[in-house]
């Protein structure tokens, strides 16, 4: 049993622009925004409890140290 919201269907996606992706999925596909972390990562969900995690491409780059 889950004590918090546990989507069964989950997809992850890396995009160049998180804000544009949010606009697309919210306005054209009816997703609701669950979380938005400084336009670098967001979690969305639709009415069928399908969750979509959107990662900004900048989060996948390794920084030079």
N, C-alpha and C. Protein backbone atom coordinates (compact mmCIF):
# COMPACT_ATOMS: atom_id res chain seq x y z
N UNK A 1 0.84 -1.17 0.00
CA UNK A 1 0.00 0.00 0.00
C UNK A 1 0.88 1.24 0.00
N UNK A 2 0.51 2.23 -0.81
CA UNK A 2 1.25 3.49 -0.89
C UNK A 2 0.68 4.49 0.09
N UNK A 3 1.55 5.16 0.81
CA UNK A 3 1.11 6.18 1.74
C UNK A 3 1.11 7.56 1.11
N UNK A 4 1.55 7.66 -0.11
CA UNK A 4 1.53 8.91 -0.86
C UNK A 4 1.10 8.57 -2.28
N UNK A 5 0.93 9.58 -3.09
CA UNK A 5 0.45 9.37 -4.45
C UNK A 5 1.47 8.56 -5.25
N UNK A 6 1.09 7.39 -5.74
CA UNK A 6 1.99 6.52 -6.49
C UNK A 6 1.43 6.25 -7.88
N UNK A 7 1.90 6.98 -8.88
CA UNK A 7 1.41 6.70 -10.23
C UNK A 7 1.93 5.35 -10.72
N UNK A 8 1.09 4.62 -11.41
CA UNK A 8 1.47 3.32 -11.95
C UNK A 8 2.22 3.53 -13.25
N UNK A 9 1.76 4.45 -14.07
CA UNK A 9 2.37 4.72 -15.37
C UNK A 9 3.24 5.96 -15.26
N UNK A 10 4.51 5.82 -15.61
CA UNK A 10 5.46 6.91 -15.47
C UNK A 10 6.37 6.96 -16.69
N UNK A 11 6.60 8.15 -17.18
CA UNK A 11 7.52 8.35 -18.30
C UNK A 11 8.43 9.52 -17.96
N UNK A 12 9.70 9.40 -18.34
CA UNK A 12 10.66 10.47 -18.14
C UNK A 12 11.09 11.02 -19.50
N UNK A 13 11.34 12.32 -19.54
CA UNK A 13 11.70 12.94 -20.80
C UNK A 13 12.68 14.08 -20.54
N UNK A 14 13.69 14.20 -21.38
CA UNK A 14 14.65 15.30 -21.30
C UNK A 14 14.33 16.28 -22.42
N UNK A 15 14.22 17.56 -22.06
CA UNK A 15 13.87 18.59 -23.04
C UNK A 15 14.83 19.77 -22.91
N UNK A 16 14.92 20.57 -23.97
CA UNK A 16 15.76 21.78 -23.93
C UNK A 16 15.12 22.87 -23.08
N UNK A 17 13.80 23.01 -23.17
CA UNK A 17 13.10 24.10 -22.48
C UNK A 17 11.92 23.52 -21.69
N UNK A 18 12.08 23.44 -20.38
CA UNK A 18 11.06 22.86 -19.51
C UNK A 18 9.77 23.68 -19.56
N UNK A 19 9.88 25.01 -19.57
CA UNK A 19 8.68 25.85 -19.58
C UNK A 19 7.84 25.65 -20.84
N UNK A 20 8.48 25.52 -21.99
CA UNK A 20 7.74 25.26 -23.24
C UNK A 20 7.07 23.89 -23.20
N UNK A 21 7.77 22.90 -22.66
CA UNK A 21 7.20 21.56 -22.55
C UNK A 21 6.00 21.56 -21.60
N UNK A 22 6.10 22.29 -20.48
CA UNK A 22 4.98 22.41 -19.54
C UNK A 22 3.77 23.01 -20.24
N UNK A 23 3.99 24.07 -20.99
CA UNK A 23 2.89 24.73 -21.71
C UNK A 23 2.23 23.75 -22.67
N UNK A 24 3.03 23.01 -23.41
CA UNK A 24 2.50 22.05 -24.37
C UNK A 24 1.65 20.98 -23.69
N UNK A 25 2.19 20.32 -22.69
CA UNK A 25 1.47 19.22 -22.05
C UNK A 25 0.27 19.69 -21.24
N UNK A 26 0.37 20.87 -20.65
CA UNK A 26 -0.76 21.40 -19.87
C UNK A 26 -1.89 21.87 -20.77
N UNK A 27 -1.58 22.65 -21.78
CA UNK A 27 -2.62 23.28 -22.60
C UNK A 27 -3.16 22.40 -23.72
N UNK A 28 -2.36 21.49 -24.25
CA UNK A 28 -2.80 20.68 -25.38
C UNK A 28 -3.16 19.24 -25.02
N UNK A 29 -2.58 18.73 -23.93
CA UNK A 29 -2.83 17.35 -23.55
C UNK A 29 -3.53 17.19 -22.21
N UNK A 30 -3.84 18.30 -21.54
CA UNK A 30 -4.63 18.27 -20.32
C UNK A 30 -3.92 17.78 -19.07
N UNK A 31 -2.60 17.86 -19.05
CA UNK A 31 -1.85 17.47 -17.85
C UNK A 31 -1.94 18.55 -16.79
N UNK A 32 -1.84 18.15 -15.53
CA UNK A 32 -1.78 19.08 -14.40
C UNK A 32 -0.35 19.07 -13.88
N UNK A 33 0.12 20.24 -13.46
CA UNK A 33 1.47 20.34 -12.91
C UNK A 33 1.44 19.96 -11.44
N UNK A 34 2.22 18.97 -11.08
CA UNK A 34 2.34 18.52 -9.69
C UNK A 34 3.48 19.26 -9.00
N UNK A 35 4.60 19.42 -9.72
CA UNK A 35 5.76 20.12 -9.17
C UNK A 35 6.53 20.78 -10.31
N UNK A 36 7.13 21.93 -10.02
CA UNK A 36 7.99 22.62 -10.97
C UNK A 36 9.18 23.17 -10.17
N UNK A 37 10.34 22.66 -10.44
CA UNK A 37 11.55 23.03 -9.69
C UNK A 37 12.41 23.99 -10.51
N UNK A 38 12.11 25.28 -10.36
CA UNK A 38 12.91 26.35 -10.99
C UNK A 38 13.08 26.16 -12.49
N UNK A 39 12.05 25.66 -13.14
CA UNK A 39 12.06 25.45 -14.60
C UNK A 39 13.21 24.54 -15.05
N UNK A 40 13.69 23.68 -14.15
CA UNK A 40 14.73 22.72 -14.50
C UNK A 40 14.21 21.29 -14.49
N UNK A 41 13.15 21.05 -13.72
CA UNK A 41 12.54 19.73 -13.62
C UNK A 41 11.09 19.92 -13.23
N UNK A 42 10.20 19.15 -13.81
CA UNK A 42 8.78 19.26 -13.48
C UNK A 42 8.14 17.87 -13.51
N UNK A 43 7.06 17.75 -12.74
CA UNK A 43 6.28 16.51 -12.71
C UNK A 43 4.85 16.88 -13.06
N UNK A 44 4.28 16.16 -14.01
CA UNK A 44 2.90 16.39 -14.45
C UNK A 44 2.11 15.09 -14.34
N UNK A 45 0.79 15.23 -14.33
CA UNK A 45 -0.08 14.06 -14.27
C UNK A 45 -1.35 14.35 -15.06
N UNK A 46 -1.89 13.33 -15.72
CA UNK A 46 -3.17 13.51 -16.41
C UNK A 46 -4.29 12.82 -15.64
N UNK A 47 -5.50 12.86 -16.19
CA UNK A 47 -6.67 12.28 -15.51
C UNK A 47 -6.59 10.77 -15.35
N UNK A 48 -5.77 10.12 -16.16
CA UNK A 48 -5.61 8.66 -16.07
C UNK A 48 -4.49 8.27 -15.10
N UNK A 49 -4.01 9.23 -14.32
CA UNK A 49 -2.92 9.04 -13.36
C UNK A 49 -1.63 8.60 -14.04
N UNK A 50 -1.43 9.08 -15.27
CA UNK A 50 -0.17 8.88 -15.97
C UNK A 50 0.74 10.03 -15.58
N UNK A 51 1.90 9.74 -15.03
CA UNK A 51 2.83 10.77 -14.59
C UNK A 51 3.93 10.98 -15.63
N UNK A 52 4.31 12.22 -15.80
CA UNK A 52 5.35 12.59 -16.74
C UNK A 52 6.36 13.46 -16.00
N UNK A 53 7.61 13.02 -16.00
CA UNK A 53 8.70 13.78 -15.38
C UNK A 53 9.50 14.40 -16.50
N UNK A 54 9.62 15.72 -16.48
CA UNK A 54 10.35 16.45 -17.51
C UNK A 54 11.62 17.02 -16.89
N UNK A 55 12.76 16.63 -17.46
CA UNK A 55 14.07 17.10 -16.99
C UNK A 55 14.61 18.09 -18.00
N UNK A 56 15.14 19.19 -17.51
CA UNK A 56 15.83 20.13 -18.38
C UNK A 56 17.15 19.54 -18.83
N UNK A 57 17.50 19.77 -20.05
CA UNK A 57 18.73 19.23 -20.62
C UNK A 57 19.95 19.66 -19.80
N UNK A 58 19.89 20.82 -19.20
CA UNK A 58 21.01 21.34 -18.41
C UNK A 58 21.31 20.44 -17.21
N UNK A 59 20.33 19.72 -16.68
CA UNK A 59 20.56 18.83 -15.54
C UNK A 59 21.34 17.58 -15.92
N UNK A 60 21.38 17.25 -17.20
CA UNK A 60 22.08 16.05 -17.64
C UNK A 60 23.54 16.30 -18.00
N UNK A 61 23.95 17.56 -18.00
CA UNK A 61 25.33 17.91 -18.36
C UNK A 61 26.22 17.84 -17.13
N UNK A 62 27.40 17.29 -17.31
CA UNK A 62 28.38 17.26 -16.22
C UNK A 62 29.13 18.58 -16.22
N UNK A 63 29.30 19.11 -15.03
CA UNK A 63 30.06 20.34 -14.89
C UNK A 63 31.53 20.02 -14.79
N UNK A 64 32.35 20.87 -15.38
CA UNK A 64 33.80 20.70 -15.29
C UNK A 64 34.25 21.08 -13.88
N UNK A 65 35.04 20.23 -13.26
CA UNK A 65 35.54 20.53 -11.93
C UNK A 65 37.05 20.53 -11.89
